[in-house]
Amino acid sequence: MSDDRQTVVPVAAKLTVVSKELDGKVALVTGGGRGIGAAVALRLAGSGADVALTFQQNQQRAHDVVEQIKAMGQRALAVRADSADPVALVRAVERTAGEFGRLDIVVNNAGAFLLGPLEQLTLQEFEQTIAVNVRAPFVTSQAAVNHMSDGGRIISIGSNVAERAVFPGFSLYSMSKTALIGLTKALGRELGPRAITVNLVNPGPTDTELNPADDAGAEGIAGLTALGHYAAPADIAGAVAFLAGPDGRYITGATINVDGGFSI
């Protein structure tokens, strides 16, 4: 299943960039030091945006992404921030806006991926999941809109299991990702008068370092999709870049399933 915390080793050469349509924009990607978040950060930078990213533990991976962004000619910043800590998230937003002078795009990507039978899940696991997967996107978005000009973008990364939970043990994770649907719709309505769009991207099975497409059981998971294979992180990043760009200006409150047909 999709795990937005998974590690990936994205390289700029894997990204196809056709224009600098985000030139002059500033983006913040939470959990942007690895996995889907790193691919998103690189794709936005390749489209011309300066990018700040948060990371929790692996400073070296975050540094590597920053260096790749700088090699593209864009400004980049890595900020250590635990997404379970609302104060740290607000500080990350403030630092991004302060150092780059503006904030146009927020991608709520960081996530907690805790699975288990209902009767075995602990209250601590429940609170951790809700803090990272629900409260963090709310807090980050709330802080960001204070810096956004009209026409900003808020994009959250959800999960295919919000649409279709086919395996046991996903009740907590699925619930937390489903909450993003309501947040997206309500914020889209609320921020519409400012032309700030709010959208949700639900990845399906995605080939990352810790969720490889050739791992045991991966063939069965891939078989649940209509296309029969895993996504690449760049596939998810492409959808985010579209929503962040000028062609996404009239899409808001929407959930975009980038899941190979897993949910149909």
Protein backbone atom coordinates (compact mmCIF):
# COMPACT_ATOMS: atom_id res chain seq x y z
CA MET A 1 0.00 0.00 0.00
CA SER A 2 1.03 3.62 -0.27
CA ASP A 3 3.39 4.82 2.45
CA ASP A 4 4.28 8.47 2.18
CA ARG A 5 7.11 8.01 4.66
CA GLN A 6 9.01 5.52 2.54
CA THR A 7 12.52 6.17 1.36
CA VAL A 8 13.29 6.70 -2.30
CA VAL A 9 16.44 7.79 -4.04
CA PRO A 10 15.11 10.27 -6.60
CA VAL A 11 17.49 11.93 -9.01
CA ALA A 12 16.92 15.03 -11.05
CA ALA A 13 17.69 13.10 -14.23
CA LYS A 14 14.54 11.03 -13.77
CA LEU A 15 12.33 14.10 -13.96
CA THR A 16 11.02 15.38 -17.27
CA VAL A 17 10.55 19.14 -17.20
CA VAL A 18 8.90 20.91 -20.10
CA SER A 19 8.69 24.43 -18.73
CA LYS A 20 9.45 26.70 -15.79
CA GLU A 21 5.78 27.36 -15.11
CA LEU A 22 6.43 27.77 -11.37
CA ASP A 23 9.17 30.33 -11.87
CA GLY A 24 9.23 32.79 -8.97
CA LYS A 25 7.08 30.57 -6.72
CA VAL A 26 8.07 29.23 -3.31
CA ALA A 27 6.94 25.80 -2.11
CA LEU A 28 7.08 24.00 1.22
CA VAL A 29 6.96 20.20 1.19
CA THR A 30 6.60 18.45 4.53
CA GLY A 31 8.44 15.17 4.72
CA GLY A 32 10.32 16.20 1.60
CA GLY A 33 13.59 14.51 2.43
CA ARG A 34 12.61 11.10 1.12
CA GLY A 35 10.00 9.00 -0.64
CA ILE A 36 7.18 10.65 -2.51
CA GLY A 37 7.96 13.94 -0.76
CA ALA A 38 11.47 14.06 -2.22
CA ALA A 39 10.11 13.37 -5.70
CA VAL A 40 7.59 16.18 -5.25
CA ALA A 41 10.24 18.60 -4.03
CA LEU A 42 12.44 17.85 -7.03
CA ARG A 43 9.59 18.10 -9.51
CA LEU A 44 8.47 21.48 -8.19
CA ALA A 45 12.05 22.72 -8.30
CA GLY A 46 12.40 21.43 -11.84
CA SER A 47 9.35 23.48 -12.75
CA GLY A 48 11.03 26.62 -11.43
CA ALA A 49 10.00 26.84 -7.77
CA ASP A 50 12.29 27.50 -4.82
CA VAL A 51 11.63 24.72 -2.33
CA ALA A 52 11.81 24.29 1.43
CA LEU A 53 11.33 20.84 2.85
CA THR A 54 10.93 19.42 6.31
CA PHE A 55 12.53 16.28 7.65
CA GLN A 56 12.48 14.60 11.04
CA GLN A 57 15.56 12.37 11.36
CA ASN A 58 17.61 11.73 8.24
CA GLN A 59 19.44 14.98 7.71
CA GLN A 60 21.75 13.51 5.06
CA ARG A 61 18.89 12.51 2.77
CA ALA A 62 17.31 15.94 3.19
CA HIS A 63 20.68 17.53 2.41
CA ASP A 64 20.98 15.41 -0.74
CA VAL A 65 17.59 16.63 -1.99
CA VAL A 66 18.55 20.22 -1.22
CA GLU A 67 21.77 19.85 -3.21
CA GLN A 68 19.88 18.42 -6.18
CA ILE A 69 17.50 21.37 -6.10
CA LYS A 70 20.37 23.84 -5.95
CA ALA A 71 21.97 22.08 -8.91
CA MET A 72 18.82 22.98 -10.87
CA GLY A 73 19.48 26.64 -10.12
CA GLN A 74 16.78 26.99 -7.47
CA ARG A 75 17.00 28.01 -3.83
CA ALA A 76 16.46 25.22 -1.32
CA LEU A 77 16.14 24.85 2.42
CA ALA A 78 15.83 21.84 4.73
CA VAL A 79 14.15 22.36 8.10
CA ARG A 80 14.11 19.76 10.84
CA ALA A 81 10.53 19.49 12.08
CA ASP A 82 8.59 16.66 13.70
CA SER A 83 5.14 16.73 12.09
CA ALA A 84 3.64 15.59 15.40
CA ASP A 85 4.80 18.91 16.88
CA PRO A 86 2.52 21.77 15.80
CA VAL A 87 4.95 24.41 17.08
CA ALA A 88 7.72 22.98 14.89
CA LEU A 89 5.45 23.05 11.85
CA VAL A 90 4.49 26.68 12.37
CA ARG A 91 8.16 27.56 12.75
CA ALA A 92 8.94 25.74 9.48
CA VAL A 93 6.30 27.79 7.68
CA GLU A 94 7.57 31.01 9.23
CA ARG A 95 11.17 30.21 8.35
CA THR A 96 10.27 29.37 4.75
CA ALA A 97 8.35 32.59 4.26
CA GLY A 98 11.02 34.58 6.08
CA GLU A 99 14.02 33.28 4.15
CA PHE A 100 12.40 33.13 0.72
CA GLY A 101 10.21 36.21 1.12
CA ARG A 102 6.93 34.51 0.20
CA LEU A 103 5.03 31.22 0.22
CA ASP A 104 2.87 30.08 -2.69
CA ILE A 105 2.57 26.30 -2.48
CA VAL A 106 2.24 23.93 0.46
CA VAL A 107 2.37 20.18 0.04
CA ASN A 108 1.27 18.28 3.15
CA ASN A 109 3.15 15.07 2.53
CA ALA A 110 4.59 13.83 5.85
CA GLY A 111 2.71 10.89 7.26
CA ALA A 112 2.60 8.20 9.94
CA PHE A 113 2.00 4.66 8.72
CA LEU A 114 0.92 2.52 11.68
CA LEU A 115 -0.92 -0.72 10.99
CA GLY A 116 -2.38 -3.45 13.17
CA PRO A 117 -5.53 -5.28 14.22
CA LEU A 118 -8.09 -3.01 15.85
CA GLU A 119 -7.85 -4.76 19.21
CA GLN A 120 -4.07 -4.37 19.32
CA LEU A 121 -3.74 -0.71 18.39
CA THR A 122 -2.78 1.47 21.33
CA LEU A 123 -4.07 4.89 22.24
CA GLN A 124 -0.55 6.23 21.75
CA GLU A 125 -0.53 4.90 18.17
CA PHE A 126 -3.92 6.45 17.58
CA GLU A 127 -2.79 9.84 18.84
CA GLN A 128 0.46 9.70 16.83
CA THR A 129 -1.38 8.87 13.63
CA ILE A 130 -3.96 11.61 14.07
CA ALA A 131 -1.29 14.13 15.05
CA VAL A 132 0.78 13.54 11.92
CA ASN A 133 -1.85 12.63 9.32
CA VAL A 134 -4.66 14.99 10.32
CA ARG A 135 -3.52 17.71 12.71
CA ALA A 136 -0.28 18.44 10.86
CA PRO A 137 -1.94 19.25 7.50
CA PHE A 138 -4.45 21.45 9.34
CA VAL A 139 -1.78 23.32 11.32
CA THR A 140 0.56 23.72 8.35
CA SER A 141 -2.23 24.99 6.11
CA GLN A 142 -3.47 27.36 8.81
CA ALA A 143 -0.02 28.86 9.23
CA ALA A 144 0.63 29.02 5.50
CA VAL A 145 -2.45 30.99 4.47
CA ASN A 146 -1.21 33.91 6.54
CA HIS A 147 1.67 34.24 4.06
CA MET A 148 -0.03 33.24 0.82
CA SER A 149 -1.10 35.76 -1.75
CA ASP A 150 -4.28 35.15 -3.72
CA GLY A 151 -3.85 32.20 -6.05
CA GLY A 152 -1.87 30.01 -3.65
CA ARG A 153 -1.98 26.22 -3.60
CA ILE A 154 -2.49 23.72 -0.79
CA ILE A 155 -2.05 20.07 -1.78
CA SER A 156 -2.20 17.14 0.61
CA ILE A 157 -0.97 13.61 0.02
CA GLY A 158 -3.49 11.02 1.09
CA SER A 159 -3.67 7.31 0.33
CA ASN A 160 -5.49 4.84 -1.87
CA VAL A 161 -6.78 3.06 1.24
CA ALA A 162 -9.04 6.03 1.94
CA GLU A 163 -10.99 4.82 -1.11
CA ARG A 164 -10.57 1.06 -0.82
CA ALA A 165 -9.20 -0.84 2.17
CA VAL A 166 -8.69 -4.41 0.97
CA PHE A 167 -6.42 -5.70 3.72
CA PRO A 168 -7.03 -6.02 7.47
CA GLY A 169 -5.11 -3.81 9.85
CA PHE A 170 -5.60 -0.53 7.98
CA SER A 171 -8.48 0.90 10.03
CA LEU A 172 -6.45 3.59 11.81
CA TYR A 173 -4.39 4.66 8.80
CA SER A 174 -7.39 4.62 6.46
CA MET A 175 -9.46 6.70 8.89
CA SER A 176 -6.73 9.32 9.20
CA LYS A 177 -6.29 9.66 5.43
CA THR A 178 -10.05 9.79 4.86
CA ALA A 179 -10.20 12.83 7.15
CA LEU A 180 -8.18 14.72 4.53
CA ILE A 181 -11.10 14.50 2.12
CA GLY A 182 -13.28 16.57 4.42
CA LEU A 183 -10.47 19.01 5.17
CA THR A 184 -9.80 19.47 1.46
CA LYS A 185 -13.41 20.14 0.56
CA ALA A 186 -14.03 22.55 3.43
CA LEU A 187 -10.80 24.50 2.96
CA GLY A 188 -11.42 24.64 -0.77
CA ARG A 189 -14.75 26.35 -0.12
CA GLU A 190 -13.35 28.65 2.57
CA LEU A 191 -10.31 29.80 0.62
CA GLY A 192 -12.01 30.01 -2.76
CA PRO A 193 -12.65 33.77 -2.52
CA ARG A 194 -8.86 34.21 -2.39
CA ALA A 195 -8.35 31.90 -5.37
CA ILE A 196 -6.33 29.58 -3.13
CA THR A 197 -7.01 26.06 -4.34
CA VAL A 198 -6.98 23.07 -2.00
CA ASN A 199 -6.70 19.55 -3.36
CA LEU A 200 -5.87 16.01 -2.32
CA VAL A 201 -3.74 13.46 -4.17
CA ASN A 202 -4.26 9.82 -3.21
CA PRO A 203 -1.30 7.68 -4.32
CA GLY A 204 -1.69 3.98 -4.89
CA PRO A 205 1.07 1.37 -4.56
CA THR A 206 4.28 3.30 -5.21
CA ASP A 207 7.72 1.87 -5.87
CA THR A 208 10.01 3.24 -3.17
CA GLU A 209 13.10 1.96 -1.43
CA LEU A 210 11.14 0.49 1.48
CA ASN A 211 8.09 -0.47 -0.60
CA PRO A 212 9.74 -1.90 -3.72
CA ALA A 213 7.70 -3.15 -6.61
CA ASP A 214 9.67 -6.41 -6.56
CA ASP A 215 9.19 -7.11 -2.86
CA ALA A 216 7.37 -10.17 -1.54
CA GLY A 217 3.64 -9.64 -1.95
CA ALA A 218 4.08 -6.73 -4.32
CA GLU A 219 2.81 -8.70 -7.29
CA GLY A 220 -0.48 -9.33 -5.52
CA ILE A 221 -0.84 -5.68 -4.59
CA ALA A 222 -0.04 -4.58 -8.13
CA GLY A 223 -2.71 -7.00 -9.34
CA LEU A 224 -5.33 -5.01 -7.44
CA THR A 225 -4.75 -2.05 -9.74
CA ALA A 226 -6.30 -1.79 -13.19
CA LEU A 227 -2.91 -1.10 -14.76
CA GLY A 228 -1.22 -4.00 -13.04
CA HIS A 229 1.89 -2.28 -11.73
CA TYR A 230 3.22 0.11 -9.11
CA ALA A 231 3.53 3.85 -9.63
CA ALA A 232 6.88 5.58 -9.69
CA PRO A 233 7.26 8.46 -7.21
CA ALA A 234 7.52 10.77 -10.22
CA ASP A 235 3.95 9.80 -11.18
CA ILE A 236 2.65 11.22 -7.91
CA ALA A 237 4.90 14.26 -8.21
CA GLY A 238 3.54 14.95 -11.68
CA ALA A 239 -0.01 15.20 -10.37
CA VAL A 240 1.10 17.54 -7.60
CA ALA A 241 2.98 19.74 -10.07
CA PHE A 242 -0.10 19.96 -12.28
CA LEU A 243 -2.27 21.07 -9.38
CA ALA A 244 0.40 23.55 -8.28
CA GLY A 245 0.75 25.05 -11.74
CA PRO A 246 -1.36 27.43 -13.81
CA ASP A 247 -3.35 24.61 -15.44
CA GLY A 248 -4.67 23.61 -12.00
CA ARG A 249 -6.10 27.01 -11.16
CA TYR A 250 -9.76 25.94 -11.57
CA ILE A 251 -9.52 22.70 -9.61
CA THR A 252 -10.28 22.88 -5.90
CA GLY A 253 -11.78 20.65 -3.24
CA ALA A 254 -10.95 17.67 -5.42
CA THR A 255 -9.49 14.27 -4.70
CA ILE A 256 -7.23 12.97 -7.46
CA ASN A 257 -6.52 9.23 -7.32
CA VAL A 258 -3.10 8.47 -8.77
CA ASP A 259 -3.47 4.79 -8.04
CA GLY A 260 -3.44 2.95 -11.35
CA GLY A 261 -7.13 2.20 -10.98
CA PHE A 262 -6.82 0.61 -7.53
CA SER A 263 -10.01 2.31 -6.36
CA ILE A 264 -12.25 1.46 -9.31
